[in-house]
Amino acid sequence: MEEPKKENGNAPEFTAHQLLVLKTWAEQPSIKQVAAELNLSENTVQTHLRRMRRKLGVSRTFDLWQYASNEGLL
């Protein structure tokens, strides 16, 4: 896993909505299923996951999941 970026020495913060998308995705790793579950468009789900990856400085969603799991966010 790539080392996450730190903002001012702290881990990046995610919005409550981003965390909800991430938790739902962790339970059912299908963009389509997450979108249906949360009543969002698939594009919105992908955008949330992309922004979280960017905040962490990682390119793979698996790395995002691994970070969130290790940090107790899931």
C-alpha atoms as a PDB file:
ATOM      1  CA  MET A   1       0.000   0.000   0.000  1.00  0.00           C
ATOM      2  CA  GLU A   2       1.173   3.494  -0.760  1.00  0.00           C
ATOM      3  CA  GLU A   3       1.865   5.664   2.279  1.00  0.00           C
ATOM      4  CA  PRO A   4      -1.088   8.062   2.827  1.00  0.00           C
ATOM      5  CA  LYS A   5      -0.516  11.784   2.528  1.00  0.00           C
ATOM      6  CA  LYS A   6      -0.821  13.712   5.751  1.00  0.00           C
ATOM      7  CA  GLU A   7      -2.279  17.187   5.938  1.00  0.00           C
ATOM      8  CA  ASN A   8      -0.421  19.266   8.534  1.00  0.00           C
ATOM      9  CA  GLY A   9       0.916  16.043  10.042  1.00  0.00           C
ATOM     10  CA  ASN A  10      -2.603  14.629  10.482  1.00  0.00           C
ATOM     11  CA  ALA A  11      -4.422  11.947   8.565  1.00  0.00           C
ATOM     12  CA  PRO A  12      -6.816  13.366   5.970  1.00  0.00           C
ATOM     13  CA  GLU A  13     -10.378  13.887   7.094  1.00  0.00           C
ATOM     14  CA  PHE A  14     -13.325  12.519   5.197  1.00  0.00           C
ATOM     15  CA  THR A  15     -16.838  13.921   5.245  1.00  0.00           C
ATOM     16  CA  ALA A  16     -19.632  11.920   6.834  1.00  0.00           C
ATOM     17  CA  HIS A  17     -21.092  11.343   3.359  1.00  0.00           C
ATOM     18  CA  GLN A  18     -17.771  10.087   2.019  1.00  0.00           C
ATOM     19  CA  LEU A  19     -17.482   7.663   4.937  1.00  0.00           C
ATOM     20  CA  LEU A  20     -21.028   6.422   4.319  1.00  0.00           C
ATOM     21  CA  VAL A  21     -20.157   5.719   0.682  1.00  0.00           C
ATOM     22  CA  LEU A  22     -16.949   3.971   1.728  1.00  0.00           C
ATOM     23  CA  LYS A  23     -18.655   1.823   4.379  1.00  0.00           C
ATOM     24  CA  THR A  24     -21.409   0.834   1.969  1.00  0.00           C
ATOM     25  CA  TRP A  25     -18.845   0.052  -0.737  1.00  0.00           C
ATOM     26  CA  ALA A  26     -16.865  -2.100   1.737  1.00  0.00           C
ATOM     27  CA  GLU A  27     -19.996  -4.181   2.370  1.00  0.00           C
ATOM     28  CA  GLN A  28     -20.957  -4.535  -1.292  1.00  0.00           C
ATOM     29  CA  PRO A  29     -18.081  -3.570  -3.587  1.00  0.00           C
ATOM     30  CA  SER A  30     -20.164  -2.690  -6.596  1.00  0.00           C
ATOM     31  CA  ILE A  31     -20.572   0.935  -7.609  1.00  0.00           C
ATOM     32  CA  LYS A  32     -24.008   0.123  -8.995  1.00  0.00           C
ATOM     33  CA  GLN A  33     -25.152  -1.498  -5.720  1.00  0.00           C
ATOM     34  CA  VAL A  34     -23.787   1.340  -3.596  1.00  0.00           C
ATOM     35  CA  ALA A  35     -25.519   3.903  -5.799  1.00  0.00           C
ATOM     36  CA  ALA A  36     -28.837   2.063  -5.519  1.00  0.00           C
ATOM     37  CA  GLU A  37     -28.481   1.564  -1.751  1.00  0.00           C
ATOM     38  CA  LEU A  38     -27.737   5.246  -1.104  1.00  0.00           C
ATOM     39  CA  ASN A  39     -29.997   6.622  -3.829  1.00  0.00           C
ATOM     40  CA  LEU A  40     -27.074   8.273  -5.610  1.00  0.00           C
ATOM     41  CA  SER A  41     -25.858   8.172  -9.178  1.00  0.00           C
ATOM     42  CA  GLU A  42     -22.995   5.837 -10.006  1.00  0.00           C
ATOM     43  CA  ASN A  43     -20.984   8.914 -11.002  1.00  0.00           C
ATOM     44  CA  THR A  44     -21.472  10.444  -7.532  1.00  0.00           C
ATOM     45  CA  VAL A  45     -20.254   7.250  -5.840  1.00  0.00           C
ATOM     46  CA  GLN A  46     -17.203   7.144  -8.099  1.00  0.00           C
ATOM     47  CA  THR A  47     -16.514  10.826  -7.400  1.00  0.00           C
ATOM     48  CA  HIS A  48     -16.610  10.286  -3.614  1.00  0.00           C
ATOM     49  CA  LEU A  49     -14.231   7.325  -3.851  1.00  0.00           C
ATOM     50  CA  ARG A  50     -11.903   9.230  -6.206  1.00  0.00           C
ATOM     51  CA  ARG A  51     -11.758  12.250  -3.878  1.00  0.00           C
ATOM     52  CA  MET A  52     -10.976  10.037  -0.898  1.00  0.00           C
ATOM     53  CA  ARG A  53      -8.186   8.309  -2.849  1.00  0.00           C
ATOM     54  CA  ARG A  54      -6.823  11.721  -3.820  1.00  0.00           C
ATOM     55  CA  LYS A  55      -6.871  12.902  -0.182  1.00  0.00           C
ATOM     56  CA  LEU A  56      -4.860   9.836   0.781  1.00  0.00           C
ATOM     57  CA  GLY A  57      -2.589  10.058  -2.221  1.00  0.00           C
ATOM     58  CA  VAL A  58      -3.358   6.505  -3.344  1.00  0.00           C
ATOM     59  CA  SER A  59      -4.444   5.324  -6.766  1.00  0.00           C
ATOM     60  CA  ARG A  60      -6.314   2.124  -5.939  1.00  0.00           C
ATOM     61  CA  THR A  61      -9.634   1.886  -4.123  1.00  0.00           C
ATOM     62  CA  PHE A  62      -8.282  -1.218  -2.380  1.00  0.00           C
ATOM     63  CA  ASP A  63      -5.622   0.990  -0.739  1.00  0.00           C
ATOM     64  CA  LEU A  64      -8.380   3.331   0.404  1.00  0.00           C
ATOM     65  CA  TRP A  65     -10.283   0.387   1.878  1.00  0.00           C
ATOM     66  CA  GLN A  66      -7.135  -0.963   3.557  1.00  0.00           C
ATOM     67  CA  TYR A  67      -6.370   2.429   5.120  1.00  0.00           C
ATOM     68  CA  ALA A  68      -9.951   2.851   6.361  1.00  0.00           C
ATOM     69  CA  SER A  69      -9.956  -0.674   7.769  1.00  0.00           C
ATOM     70  CA  ASN A  70      -6.626  -0.163   9.583  1.00  0.00           C
ATOM     71  CA  GLU A  71      -7.802   3.165  11.006  1.00  0.00           C
ATOM     72  CA  GLY A  72     -11.099   1.696  12.273  1.00  0.00           C
ATOM     73  CA  LEU A  73     -13.219   3.780   9.911  1.00  0.00           C
ATOM     74  CA  LEU A  74     -15.212   0.787   8.653  1.00  0.00           C
END
